[in-house]
Amino acid sequence: VRVEASPAQVWRVWSDLEQMPKWQAWIHSVHVQPDGSSKWTLKKSVLGVPLSFSWTAQELPREEGRLIQWEATSGVKNRGRVEFEEEEEGGREGVRVTMTIEYSLPSVIVFLFRST
């Protein structure tokens, strides 16, 4: 997705993990631990049934302004990366944000999420 904002603004928003629930609707909470890991909770109601999933993630080396990456160490198995590429379009500065996530959920949960 292209975000029309300065690279510094986009990086500041994405790199402040504990603020993600304010703009990522499916993320209920993020708590960064003293050891640098982070505890994530996702909450969603599917067919009227409230579901909650949690995991602990360890951030992998960052490239300031260019890359955030992580891997779950417990809970819902997942890993991912968010890449930031500065671009100008029509004289307006912006950032191309590309997020890639790999995860493993029980098949019934995948079915429920896709059906809503």
PDB file of N, CA and C in Angstrom:
ATOM      1  N   VAL A   1       0.848  -1.168   0.000  1.00  0.00           N
ATOM      2  CA  VAL A   1       0.000   0.000   0.000  1.00  0.00           C
ATOM      3  C   VAL A   1       0.900   1.240   0.000  1.00  0.00           C
ATOM      4  N   ARG A   2       0.438   2.272  -0.682  1.00  0.00           N
ATOM      5  CA  ARG A   2       1.186   3.533  -0.690  1.00  0.00           C
ATOM      6  C   ARG A   2       0.596   4.453   0.373  1.00  0.00           C
ATOM      7  N   VAL A   3       1.464   5.015   1.195  1.00  0.00           N
ATOM      8  CA  VAL A   3       1.055   5.944   2.245  1.00  0.00           C
ATOM      9  C   VAL A   3       1.626   7.310   1.892  1.00  0.00           C
ATOM     10  N   GLU A   4       0.758   8.298   1.788  1.00  0.00           N
ATOM     11  CA  GLU A   4       1.222   9.649   1.476  1.00  0.00           C
ATOM     12  C   GLU A   4       1.575  10.366   2.769  1.00  0.00           C
ATOM     13  N   ALA A   5       2.810  10.194   3.156  1.00  0.00           N
ATOM     14  CA  ALA A   5       3.368  10.820   4.356  1.00  0.00           C
ATOM     15  C   ALA A   5       4.878  10.737   4.224  1.00  0.00           C
ATOM     16  N   SER A   6       5.567  11.459   5.071  1.00  0.00           N
ATOM     17  CA  SER A   6       7.028  11.411   5.006  1.00  0.00           C
ATOM     18  C   SER A   6       7.519  10.054   5.509  1.00  0.00           C
ATOM     19  N   PRO A   7       8.660   9.604   5.006  1.00  0.00           N
ATOM     20  CA  PRO A   7       9.219   8.338   5.491  1.00  0.00           C
ATOM     21  C   PRO A   7       9.390   8.325   7.010  1.00  0.00           C
ATOM     22  N   ALA A   8       9.786   9.445   7.590  1.00  0.00           N
ATOM     23  CA  ALA A   8       9.975   9.509   9.047  1.00  0.00           C
ATOM     24  C   ALA A   8       8.653   9.299   9.782  1.00  0.00           C
ATOM     25  N   GLN A   9       7.567   9.877   9.269  1.00  0.00           N
ATOM     26  CA  GLN A   9       6.253   9.711   9.913  1.00  0.00           C
ATOM     27  C   GLN A   9       5.784   8.261   9.835  1.00  0.00           C
ATOM     28  N   VAL A  10       5.922   7.658   8.669  1.00  0.00           N
ATOM     29  CA  VAL A  10       5.481   6.275   8.485  1.00  0.00           C
ATOM     30  C   VAL A  10       6.284   5.348   9.390  1.00  0.00           C
ATOM     31  N   TRP A  11       7.585   5.537   9.436  1.00  0.00           N
ATOM     32  CA  TRP A  11       8.440   4.700  10.281  1.00  0.00           C
ATOM     33  C   TRP A  11       8.060   4.862  11.752  1.00  0.00           C
ATOM     34  N   ARG A  12       7.828   6.080  12.177  1.00  0.00           N
ATOM     35  CA  ARG A  12       7.493   6.346  13.584  1.00  0.00           C
ATOM     36  C   ARG A  12       6.215   5.599  13.980  1.00  0.00           C
ATOM     37  N   VAL A  13       5.207   5.613  13.130  1.00  0.00           N
ATOM     38  CA  VAL A  13       3.944   4.934  13.431  1.00  0.00           C
ATOM     39  C   VAL A  13       4.149   3.424  13.498  1.00  0.00           C
ATOM     40  N   TRP A  14       4.799   2.846  12.504  1.00  0.00           N
ATOM     41  CA  TRP A  14       4.963   1.391  12.460  1.00  0.00           C
ATOM     42  C   TRP A  14       5.913   0.867  13.532  1.00  0.00           C
ATOM     43  N   SER A  15       6.916   1.633  13.884  1.00  0.00           N
ATOM     44  CA  SER A  15       7.912   1.116  14.829  1.00  0.00           C
ATOM     45  C   SER A  15       7.481   1.246  16.289  1.00  0.00           C
ATOM     46  N   ASP A  16       6.376   1.933  16.561  1.00  0.00           N
ATOM     47  CA  ASP A  16       5.843   2.041  17.919  1.00  0.00           C
ATOM     48  C   ASP A  16       4.802   0.932  18.111  1.00  0.00           C
ATOM     49  N   LEU A  17       5.278  -0.263  18.408  1.00  0.00           N
ATOM     50  CA  LEU A  17       4.429  -1.451  18.438  1.00  0.00           C
ATOM     51  C   LEU A  17       3.233  -1.328  19.372  1.00  0.00           C
ATOM     52  N   GLU A  18       3.418  -0.740  20.538  1.00  0.00           N
ATOM     53  CA  GLU A  18       2.327  -0.671  21.514  1.00  0.00           C
ATOM     54  C   GLU A  18       1.173   0.222  21.058  1.00  0.00           C
ATOM     55  N   GLN A  19       1.400   1.051  20.050  1.00  0.00           N
ATOM     56  CA  GLN A  19       0.338   1.921  19.533  1.00  0.00           C
ATOM     57  C   GLN A  19      -0.455   1.275  18.393  1.00  0.00           C
ATOM     58  N   MET A  20      -0.010   0.114  17.916  1.00  0.00           N
ATOM     59  CA  MET A  20      -0.684  -0.532  16.778  1.00  0.00           C
ATOM     60  C   MET A  20      -2.180  -0.768  16.972  1.00  0.00           C
ATOM     61  N   PRO A  21      -2.656  -1.134  18.158  1.00  0.00           N
ATOM     62  CA  PRO A  21      -4.102  -1.346  18.308  1.00  0.00           C
ATOM     63  C   PRO A  21      -4.942  -0.108  17.980  1.00  0.00           C
ATOM     64  N   LYS A  22      -4.345   1.070  17.989  1.00  0.00           N
ATOM     65  CA  LYS A  22      -5.089   2.287  17.658  1.00  0.00           C
ATOM     66  C   LYS A  22      -5.427   2.362  16.172  1.00  0.00           C
ATOM     67  N   TRP A  23      -4.655   1.679  15.333  1.00  0.00           N
ATOM     68  CA  TRP A  23      -4.901   1.774  13.896  1.00  0.00           C
ATOM     69  C   TRP A  23      -4.969   0.423  13.177  1.00  0.00           C
ATOM     70  N   GLN A  24      -4.756  -0.668  13.880  1.00  0.00           N
ATOM     71  CA  GLN A  24      -4.919  -2.017  13.323  1.00  0.00           C
ATOM     72  C   GLN A  24      -6.104  -2.645  14.053  1.00  0.00           C
ATOM     73  N   ALA A  25      -7.270  -2.652  13.429  1.00  0.00           N
ATOM     74  CA  ALA A  25      -8.513  -3.061  14.094  1.00  0.00           C
ATOM     75  C   ALA A  25      -8.466  -4.465  14.684  1.00  0.00           C
ATOM     76  N   TRP A  26      -7.766  -5.385  14.066  1.00  0.00           N
ATOM     77  CA  TRP A  26      -7.761  -6.766  14.541  1.00  0.00           C
ATOM     78  C   TRP A  26      -6.785  -7.004  15.685  1.00  0.00           C
ATOM     79  N   ILE A  27      -5.906  -6.053  15.948  1.00  0.00           N
ATOM     80  CA  ILE A  27      -4.962  -6.195  17.060  1.00  0.00           C
ATOM     81  C   ILE A  27      -5.586  -5.561  18.299  1.00  0.00           C
ATOM     82  N   HIS A  28      -5.768  -6.365  19.346  1.00  0.00           N
ATOM     83  CA  HIS A  28      -6.362  -5.872  20.587  1.00  0.00           C
ATOM     84  C   HIS A  28      -5.317  -5.194  21.473  1.00  0.00           C
ATOM     85  N   SER A  29      -4.132  -5.814  21.592  1.00  0.00           N
ATOM     86  CA  SER A  29      -3.096  -5.222  22.441  1.00  0.00           C
ATOM     87  C   SER A  29      -1.713  -5.720  22.042  1.00  0.00           C
ATOM     88  N   VAL A  30      -0.723  -4.878  22.335  1.00  0.00           N
ATOM     89  CA  VAL A  30       0.688  -5.221  22.159  1.00  0.00           C
ATOM     90  C   VAL A  30       1.415  -4.672  23.376  1.00  0.00           C
ATOM     91  N   HIS A  31       2.188  -5.532  24.028  1.00  0.00           N
ATOM     92  CA  HIS A  31       2.976  -5.099  25.183  1.00  0.00           C
ATOM     93  C   HIS A  31       4.422  -5.505  24.959  1.00  0.00           C
ATOM     94  N   VAL A  32       5.299  -4.504  24.879  1.00  0.00           N
ATOM     95  CA  VAL A  32       6.722  -4.771  24.712  1.00  0.00           C
ATOM     96  C   VAL A  32       7.299  -5.113  26.078  1.00  0.00           C
ATOM     97  N   GLN A  33       8.013  -6.226  26.141  1.00  0.00           N
ATOM     98  CA  GLN A  33       8.586  -6.729  27.386  1.00  0.00           C
ATOM     99  C   GLN A  33       9.996  -6.158  27.600  1.00  0.00           C
ATOM    100  N   PRO A  34      10.497  -6.171  28.835  1.00  0.00           N
ATOM    101  CA  PRO A  34      11.840  -5.650  29.109  1.00  0.00           C
ATOM    102  C   PRO A  34      12.942  -6.329  28.286  1.00  0.00           C
ATOM    103  N   ASP A  35      12.735  -7.596  27.915  1.00  0.00           N
ATOM    104  CA  ASP A  35      13.766  -8.299  27.135  1.00  0.00           C
ATOM    105  C   ASP A  35      13.689  -7.995  25.633  1.00  0.00           C
ATOM    106  N   GLY A  36      12.755  -7.109  25.232  1.00  0.00           N
ATOM    107  CA  GLY A  36      12.636  -6.738  23.824  1.00  0.00           C
ATOM    108  C   GLY A  36      11.610  -7.548  23.058  1.00  0.00           C
ATOM    109  N   SER A  37      11.132  -8.638  23.650  1.00  0.00           N
ATOM    110  CA  SER A  37      10.070  -9.403  22.991  1.00  0.00           C
ATOM    111  C   SER A  37       8.760  -8.627  23.155  1.00  0.00           C
ATOM    112  N   SER A  38       7.723  -9.065  22.461  1.00  0.00           N
ATOM    113  CA  SER A  38       6.434  -8.389  22.577  1.00  0.00           C
ATOM    114  C   SER A  38       5.320  -9.419  22.649  1.00  0.00           C
ATOM    115  N   LYS A  39       4.334  -9.130  23.477  1.00  0.00           N
ATOM    116  CA  LYS A  39       3.166  -9.998  23.677  1.00  0.00           C
ATOM    117  C   LYS A  39       1.998  -9.379  22.910  1.00  0.00           C
ATOM    118  N   TRP A  40       1.432 -10.139  21.969  1.00  0.00           N
ATOM    119  CA  TRP A  40       0.368  -9.671  21.082  1.00  0.00           C
ATOM    120  C   TRP A  40      -0.927 -10.413  21.376  1.00  0.00           C
ATOM    121  N   THR A  41      -2.056  -9.709  21.297  1.00  0.00           N
ATOM    122  CA  THR A  41      -3.365 -10.342  21.418  1.00  0.00           C
ATOM    123  C   THR A  41      -4.255  -9.830  20.294  1.00  0.00           C
ATOM    124  N   LEU A  42      -4.861 -10.767  19.584  1.00  0.00           N
ATOM    125  CA  LEU A  42      -5.808 -10.475  18.517  1.00  0.00           C
ATOM    126  C   LEU A  42      -7.178 -10.907  19.005  1.00  0.00           C
ATOM    127  N   LYS A  43      -8.180 -10.062  18.829  1.00  0.00           N
ATOM    128  CA  LYS A  43      -9.551 -10.431  19.202  1.00  0.00           C
ATOM    129  C   LYS A  43     -10.463 -10.146  18.025  1.00  0.00           C
ATOM    130  N   LYS A  44     -11.368 -11.082  17.775  1.00  0.00           N
ATOM    131  CA  LYS A  44     -12.322 -10.933  16.678  1.00  0.00           C
ATOM    132  C   LYS A  44     -13.557 -11.745  17.012  1.00  0.00           C
ATOM    133  N   SER A  45     -14.705 -11.221  16.663  1.00  0.00           N
ATOM    134  CA  SER A  45     -15.948 -11.960  16.832  1.00  0.00           C
ATOM    135  C   SER A  45     -16.283 -12.606  15.494  1.00  0.00           C
ATOM    136  N   VAL A  46     -16.461 -13.914  15.502  1.00  0.00           N
ATOM    137  CA  VAL A  46     -16.773 -14.664  14.292  1.00  0.00           C
ATOM    138  C   VAL A  46     -18.104 -15.374  14.505  1.00  0.00           C
ATOM    139  N   LEU A  47     -19.077 -15.030  13.676  1.00  0.00           N
ATOM    140  CA  LEU A  47     -20.424 -15.596  13.800  1.00  0.00           C
ATOM    141  C   LEU A  47     -20.972 -15.422  15.215  1.00  0.00           C
ATOM    142  N   GLY A  48     -20.662 -14.273  15.815  1.00  0.00           N
ATOM    143  CA  GLY A  48     -21.140 -13.969  17.153  1.00  0.00           C
ATOM    144  C   GLY A  48     -20.339 -14.591  18.280  1.00  0.00           C
ATOM    145  N   VAL A  49     -19.306 -15.342  17.928  1.00  0.00           N
ATOM    146  CA  VAL A  49     -18.474 -15.996  18.941  1.00  0.00           C
ATOM    147  C   VAL A  49     -17.175 -15.204  19.092  1.00  0.00           C
ATOM    148  N   PRO A  50     -16.903 -14.684  20.295  1.00  0.00           N
ATOM    149  CA  PRO A  50     -15.659 -13.938  20.486  1.00  0.00           C
ATOM    150  C   PRO A  50     -14.459 -14.894  20.515  1.00  0.00           C
ATOM    151  N   LEU A  51     -13.463 -14.587  19.702  1.00  0.00           N
ATOM    152  CA  LEU A  51     -12.240 -15.383  19.657  1.00  0.00           C
ATOM    153  C   LEU A  51     -11.068 -14.506  20.055  1.00  0.00           C
ATOM    154  N   SER A  52     -10.086 -15.114  20.682  1.00  0.00           N
ATOM    155  CA  SER A  52      -8.895 -14.393  21.101  1.00  0.00           C
ATOM    156  C   SER A  52      -7.679 -15.279  20.862  1.00  0.00           C
ATOM    157  N   PHE A  53      -6.642 -14.700  20.282  1.00  0.00           N
ATOM    158  CA  PHE A  53      -5.394 -15.415  20.032  1.00  0.00           C
ATOM    159  C   PHE A  53      -4.252 -14.563  20.552  1.00  0.00           C
ATOM    160  N   SER A  54      -3.265 -15.219  21.142  1.00  0.00           N
ATOM    161  CA  SER A  54      -2.102 -14.489  21.654  1.00  0.00           C
ATOM    162  C   SER A  54      -0.822 -15.169  21.215  1.00  0.00           C
ATOM    163  N   TRP A  55       0.229 -14.391  21.177  1.00  0.00           N
ATOM    164  CA  TRP A  55       1.551 -14.927  20.879  1.00  0.00           C
ATOM    165  C   TRP A  55       2.601 -13.962  21.410  1.00  0.00           C
ATOM    166  N   THR A  56       3.787 -14.491  21.583  1.00  0.00           N
ATOM    167  CA  THR A  56       4.945 -13.683  21.940  1.00  0.00           C
ATOM    168  C   THR A  56       5.866 -13.692  20.738  1.00  0.00           C
ATOM    169  N   ALA A  57       6.350 -12.525  20.363  1.00  0.00           N
ATOM    170  CA  ALA A  57       7.220 -12.411  19.192  1.00  0.00           C
ATOM    171  C   ALA A  57       8.553 -11.805  19.591  1.00  0.00           C
ATOM    172  N   GLN A  58       9.583 -12.246  18.910  1.00  0.00           N
ATOM    173  CA  GLN A  58      10.907 -11.659  19.063  1.00  0.00           C
ATOM    174  C   GLN A  58      11.203 -10.887  17.788  1.00  0.00           C
ATOM    175  N   GLU A  59      11.551  -9.630  17.949  1.00  0.00           N
ATOM    176  CA  GLU A  59      11.882  -8.844  16.765  1.00  0.00           C
ATOM    177  C   GLU A  59      13.248  -9.278  16.251  1.00  0.00           C
ATOM    178  N   LEU A  60      13.345  -9.445  14.957  1.00  0.00           N
ATOM    179  CA  LEU A  60      14.607  -9.757  14.302  1.00  0.00           C
ATOM    180  C   LEU A  60      15.262  -8.430  13.939  1.00  0.00           C
ATOM    181  N   PRO A  61      16.531  -8.434  13.549  1.00  0.00           N
ATOM    182  CA  PRO A  61      17.215  -7.153  13.306  1.00  0.00           C
ATOM    183  C   PRO A  61      16.441  -6.219  12.370  1.00  0.00           C
ATOM    184  N   ARG A  62      16.324  -4.962  12.809  1.00  0.00           N
ATOM    185  CA  ARG A  62      15.672  -3.913  12.018  1.00  0.00           C
ATOM    186  C   ARG A  62      16.690  -3.252  11.107  1.00  0.00           C
ATOM    187  N   GLU A  63      16.186  -2.699  10.018  1.00  0.00           N
ATOM    188  CA  GLU A  63      16.963  -1.774   9.196  1.00  0.00           C
ATOM    189  C   GLU A  63      16.218  -0.453   9.303  1.00  0.00           C
ATOM    190  N   GLU A  64      16.756   0.458  10.068  1.00  0.00           N
ATOM    191  CA  GLU A  64      16.093   1.726  10.371  1.00  0.00           C
ATOM    192  C   GLU A  64      15.504   2.370   9.115  1.00  0.00           C
ATOM    193  N   GLY A  65      14.203   2.629   9.165  1.00  0.00           N
ATOM    194  CA  GLY A  65      13.517   3.274   8.060  1.00  0.00           C
ATOM    195  C   GLY A  65      13.187   2.369   6.890  1.00  0.00           C
ATOM    196  N   ARG A  66      13.636   1.096   6.939  1.00  0.00           N
ATOM    197  CA  ARG A  66      13.452   0.215   5.784  1.00  0.00           C
ATOM    198  C   ARG A  66      12.782  -1.121   6.087  1.00  0.00           C
ATOM    199  N   LEU A  67      13.021  -1.677   7.296  1.00  0.00           N
ATOM    200  CA  LEU A  67      12.550  -3.039   7.538  1.00  0.00           C
ATOM    201  C   LEU A  67      12.293  -3.299   9.018  1.00  0.00           C
ATOM    202  N   ILE A  68      11.131  -3.886   9.313  1.00  0.00           N
ATOM    203  CA  ILE A  68      10.807  -4.437  10.628  1.00  0.00           C
ATOM    204  C   ILE A  68      10.456  -5.897  10.376  1.00  0.00           C
ATOM    205  N   GLN A  69      11.016  -6.808  11.185  1.00  0.00           N
ATOM    206  CA  GLN A  69      10.719  -8.231  11.005  1.00  0.00           C
ATOM    207  C   GLN A  69      10.655  -8.918  12.362  1.00  0.00           C
ATOM    208  N   TRP A  70       9.915 -10.015  12.417  1.00  0.00           N
ATOM    209  CA  TRP A  70       9.704 -10.707  13.683  1.00  0.00           C
ATOM    210  C   TRP A  70       9.439 -12.182  13.450  1.00  0.00           C
ATOM    211  N   GLU A  71       9.507 -12.923  14.566  1.00  0.00           N
ATOM    212  CA  GLU A  71       9.145 -14.336  14.565  1.00  0.00           C
ATOM    213  C   GLU A  71       8.535 -14.671  15.920  1.00  0.00           C
ATOM    214  N   ALA A  72       7.416 -15.386  15.901  1.00  0.00           N
ATOM    215  CA  ALA A  72       6.767 -15.784  17.152  1.00  0.00           C
ATOM    216  C   ALA A  72       7.622 -16.818  17.867  1.00  0.00           C
ATOM    217  N   THR A  73       7.684 -16.684  19.184  1.00  0.00           N
ATOM    218  CA  THR A  73       8.422 -17.652  19.997  1.00  0.00           C
ATOM    219  C   THR A  73       7.479 -18.516  20.820  1.00  0.00           C
ATOM    220  N   SER A  74       6.209 -18.108  20.920  1.00  0.00           N
ATOM    221  CA  SER A  74       5.198 -18.923  21.600  1.00  0.00           C
ATOM    222  C   SER A  74       3.817 -18.473  21.142  1.00  0.00           C
ATOM    223  N   GLY A  75       2.819 -19.325  21.390  1.00  0.00           N
ATOM    224  CA  GLY A  75       1.450 -18.993  20.986  1.00  0.00           C
ATOM    225  C   GLY A  75       1.234 -19.254  19.513  1.00  0.00           C
ATOM    226  N   VAL A  76       0.427 -18.417  18.861  1.00  0.00           N
ATOM    227  CA  VAL A  76       0.134 -18.577  17.435  1.00  0.00           C
ATOM    228  C   VAL A  76       1.438 -18.474  16.643  1.00  0.00           C
ATOM    229  N   LYS A  77       1.731 -19.517  15.905  1.00  0.00           N
ATOM    230  CA  LYS A  77       2.977 -19.580  15.137  1.00  0.00           C
ATOM    231  C   LYS A  77       2.891 -18.613  13.951  1.00  0.00           C
ATOM    232  N   ASN A  78       3.810 -17.644  13.893  1.00  0.00           N
ATOM    233  CA  ASN A  78       3.839 -16.698  12.776  1.00  0.00           C
ATOM    234  C   ASN A  78       5.198 -16.039  12.670  1.00  0.00           C
ATOM    235  N   ARG A  79       5.431 -15.475  11.512  1.00  0.00           N
ATOM    236  CA  ARG A  79       6.635 -14.675  11.268  1.00  0.00           C
ATOM    237  C   ARG A  79       6.290 -13.699  10.168  1.00  0.00           C
ATOM    238  N   GLY A  80       6.985 -12.584  10.140  1.00  0.00           N
ATOM    239  CA  GLY A  80       6.662 -11.624   9.102  1.00  0.00           C
ATOM    240  C   GLY A  80       7.669 -10.506   9.001  1.00  0.00           C
ATOM    241  N   ARG A  81       7.368  -9.639   8.048  1.00  0.00           N
ATOM    242  CA  ARG A  81       8.231  -8.486   7.804  1.00  0.00           C
ATOM    243  C   ARG A  81       7.404  -7.371   7.197  1.00  0.00           C
ATOM    244  N   VAL A  82       7.802  -6.152   7.486  1.00  0.00           N
ATOM    245  CA  VAL A  82       7.189  -4.974   6.889  1.00  0.00           C
ATOM    246  C   VAL A  82       8.329  -4.183   6.265  1.00  0.00           C
ATOM    247  N   GLU A  83       8.207  -3.949   4.948  1.00  0.00           N
ATOM    248  CA  GLU A  83       9.247  -3.229   4.217  1.00  0.00           C
ATOM    249  C   GLU A  83       8.734  -1.850   3.825  1.00  0.00           C
ATOM    250  N   PHE A  84       9.620  -0.869   3.878  1.00  0.00           N
ATOM    251  CA  PHE A  84       9.286   0.521   3.594  1.00  0.00           C
ATOM    252  C   PHE A  84      10.178   1.010   2.460  1.00  0.00           C
ATOM    253  N   GLU A  85       9.552   1.506   1.404  1.00  0.00           N
ATOM    254  CA  GLU A  85      10.309   2.015   0.264  1.00  0.00           C
ATOM    255  C   GLU A  85       9.810   3.416  -0.071  1.00  0.00           C
ATOM    256  N   GLU A  86      10.720   4.374   0.032  1.00  0.00           N
ATOM    257  CA  GLU A  86      10.361   5.759  -0.259  1.00  0.00           C
ATOM    258  C   GLU A  86      10.087   5.897  -1.752  1.00  0.00           C
ATOM    259  N   GLU A  87       9.006   6.625  -2.083  1.00  0.00           N
ATOM    260  CA  GLU A  87       8.703   6.862  -3.496  1.00  0.00           C
ATOM    261  C   GLU A  87       7.990   8.193  -3.648  1.00  0.00           C
ATOM    262  N   GLU A  88       8.176   8.783  -4.805  1.00  0.00           N
ATOM    263  CA  GLU A  88       7.504  10.044  -5.102  1.00  0.00           C
ATOM    264  C   GLU A  88       6.546   9.788  -6.259  1.00  0.00           C
ATOM    265  N   GLU A  89       5.346  10.328  -6.131  1.00  0.00           N
ATOM    266  CA  GLU A  89       4.333  10.141  -7.173  1.00  0.00           C
ATOM    267  C   GLU A  89       3.629  11.470  -7.395  1.00  0.00           C
ATOM    268  N   GLY A  90       3.713  11.984  -8.604  1.00  0.00           N
ATOM    269  CA  GLY A  90       3.062  13.260  -8.913  1.00  0.00           C
ATOM    270  C   GLY A  90       3.567  14.400  -8.055  1.00  0.00           C
ATOM    271  N   GLY A  91       4.836  14.365  -7.697  1.00  0.00           N
ATOM    272  CA  GLY A  91       5.416  15.414  -6.873  1.00  0.00           C
ATOM    273  C   GLY A  91       5.109  15.293  -5.391  1.00  0.00           C
ATOM    274  N   ARG A  92       4.400  14.234  -4.998  1.00  0.00           N
ATOM    275  CA  ARG A  92       4.063  14.032  -3.578  1.00  0.00           C
ATOM    276  C   ARG A  92       4.933  12.919  -3.009  1.00  0.00           C
ATOM    277  N   GLU A  93       5.521  13.202  -1.850  1.00  0.00           N
ATOM    278  CA  GLU A  93       6.330  12.158  -1.228  1.00  0.00           C
ATOM    279  C   GLU A  93       5.424  11.108  -0.608  1.00  0.00           C
ATOM    280  N   GLY A  94       5.939   9.917  -0.505  1.00  0.00           N
ATOM    281  CA  GLY A  94       5.174   8.837   0.092  1.00  0.00           C
ATOM    282  C   GLY A  94       6.064   7.646   0.349  1.00  0.00           C
ATOM    283  N   VAL A  95       5.453   6.623   0.886  1.00  0.00           N
ATOM    284  CA  VAL A  95       6.177   5.399   1.224  1.00  0.00           C
ATOM    285  C   VAL A  95       5.333   4.211   0.781  1.00  0.00           C
ATOM    286  N   ARG A  96       5.951   3.295   0.084  1.00  0.00           N
ATOM    287  CA  ARG A  96       5.311   2.024  -0.268  1.00  0.00           C
ATOM    288  C   ARG A  96       5.570   1.083   0.903  1.00  0.00           C
ATOM    289  N   VAL A  97       4.493   0.601   1.555  1.00  0.00           N
ATOM    290  CA  VAL A  97       4.599  -0.306   2.696  1.00  0.00           C
ATOM    291  C   VAL A  97       4.133  -1.684   2.236  1.00  0.00           C
ATOM    292  N   THR A  98       5.012  -2.665   2.391  1.00  0.00           N
ATOM    293  CA  THR A  98       4.695  -4.038   1.995  1.00  0.00           C
ATOM    294  C   THR A  98       4.827  -4.934   3.214  1.00  0.00           C
ATOM    295  N   MET A  99       3.727  -5.586   3.597  1.00  0.00           N
ATOM    296  CA  MET A  99       3.745  -6.483   4.753  1.00  0.00           C
ATOM    297  C   MET A  99       3.554  -7.917   4.270  1.00  0.00           C
ATOM    298  N   THR A 100       4.420  -8.792   4.753  1.00  0.00           N
ATOM    299  CA  THR A 100       4.341 -10.213   4.442  1.00  0.00           C
ATOM    300  C   THR A 100       4.267 -10.973   5.753  1.00  0.00           C
ATOM    301  N   ILE A 101       3.243 -11.817   5.916  1.00  0.00           N
ATOM    302  CA  ILE A 101       3.079 -12.598   7.143  1.00  0.00           C
ATOM    303  C   ILE A 101       2.844 -14.054   6.776  1.00  0.00           C
ATOM    304  N   GLU A 102       3.542 -14.930   7.475  1.00  0.00           N
ATOM    305  CA  GLU A 102       3.307 -16.369   7.370  1.00  0.00           C
ATOM    306  C   GLU A 102       2.789 -16.814   8.728  1.00  0.00           C
ATOM    307  N   TYR A 103       1.717 -17.593   8.752  1.00  0.00           N
ATOM    308  CA  TYR A 103       1.173 -18.044  10.028  1.00  0.00           C
ATOM    309  C   TYR A 103       0.578 -19.427   9.879  1.00  0.00           C
ATOM    310  N   SER A 104       0.411 -20.081  11.013  1.00  0.00           N
ATOM    311  CA  SER A 104      -0.173 -21.413  11.049  1.00  0.00           C
ATOM    312  C   SER A 104      -1.305 -21.400  12.072  1.00  0.00           C
ATOM    313  N   LEU A 105      -2.538 -21.559  11.578  1.00  0.00           N
ATOM    314  CA  LEU A 105      -3.719 -21.608  12.442  1.00  0.00           C
ATOM    315  C   LEU A 105      -4.449 -22.917  12.187  1.00  0.00           C
ATOM    316  N   PRO A 106      -5.185 -23.413  13.174  1.00  0.00           N
ATOM    317  CA  PRO A 106      -6.009 -24.602  12.924  1.00  0.00           C
ATOM    318  C   PRO A 106      -6.985 -24.327  11.777  1.00  0.00           C
ATOM    319  N   SER A 107      -7.231 -25.322  10.912  1.00  0.00           N
ATOM    320  CA  SER A 107      -8.072 -25.127   9.723  1.00  0.00           C
ATOM    321  C   SER A 107      -9.453 -24.587  10.033  1.00  0.00           C
ATOM    322  N   VAL A 108     -10.064 -25.008  11.126  1.00  0.00           N
ATOM    323  CA  VAL A 108     -11.402 -24.524  11.456  1.00  0.00           C
ATOM    324  C   VAL A 108     -11.385 -23.017  11.709  1.00  0.00           C
ATOM    325  N   ILE A 109     -10.329 -22.520  12.314  1.00  0.00           N
ATOM    326  CA  ILE A 109     -10.213 -21.084  12.579  1.00  0.00           C
ATOM    327  C   ILE A 109     -10.049 -20.330  11.260  1.00  0.00           C
ATOM    328  N   VAL A 110      -9.224 -20.853  10.367  1.00  0.00           N
ATOM    329  CA  VAL A 110      -9.041 -20.214   9.059  1.00  0.00           C
ATOM    330  C   VAL A 110     -10.383 -20.134   8.340  1.00  0.00           C
ATOM    331  N   PHE A 111     -11.146 -21.213   8.364  1.00  0.00           N
ATOM    332  CA  PHE A 111     -12.467 -21.236   7.723  1.00  0.00           C
ATOM    333  C   PHE A 111     -13.384 -20.172   8.322  1.00  0.00           C
ATOM    334  N   LEU A 112     -13.420 -20.082   9.647  1.00  0.00           N
ATOM    335  CA  LEU A 112     -14.287 -19.108  10.310  1.00  0.00           C
ATOM    336  C   LEU A 112     -13.907 -17.678   9.948  1.00  0.00           C
ATOM    337  N   PHE A 113     -12.602 -17.389   9.925  1.00  0.00           N
ATOM    338  CA  PHE A 113     -12.162 -16.037   9.596  1.00  0.00           C
ATOM    339  C   PHE A 113     -12.499 -15.692   8.149  1.00  0.00           C
ATOM    340  N   ARG A 114     -12.375 -16.630   7.249  1.00  0.00           N
ATOM    341  CA  ARG A 114     -12.666 -16.365   5.833  1.00  0.00           C
ATOM    342  C   ARG A 114     -14.152 -16.207   5.583  1.00  0.00           C
ATOM    343  N   SER A 115     -14.984 -16.795   6.416  1.00  0.00           N
ATOM    344  CA  SER A 115     -16.431 -16.744   6.181  1.00  0.00           C
ATOM    345  C   SER A 115     -17.073 -15.459   6.697  1.00  0.00           C
ATOM    346  N   THR A 116     -16.300 -14.597   7.351  1.00  0.00           N
ATOM    347  CA  THR A 116     -16.882 -13.347   7.869  1.00  0.00           C
ATOM    348  C   THR A 116     -16.429 -12.156   7.067  1.00  0.00           C
TER     349      THR A 116
END
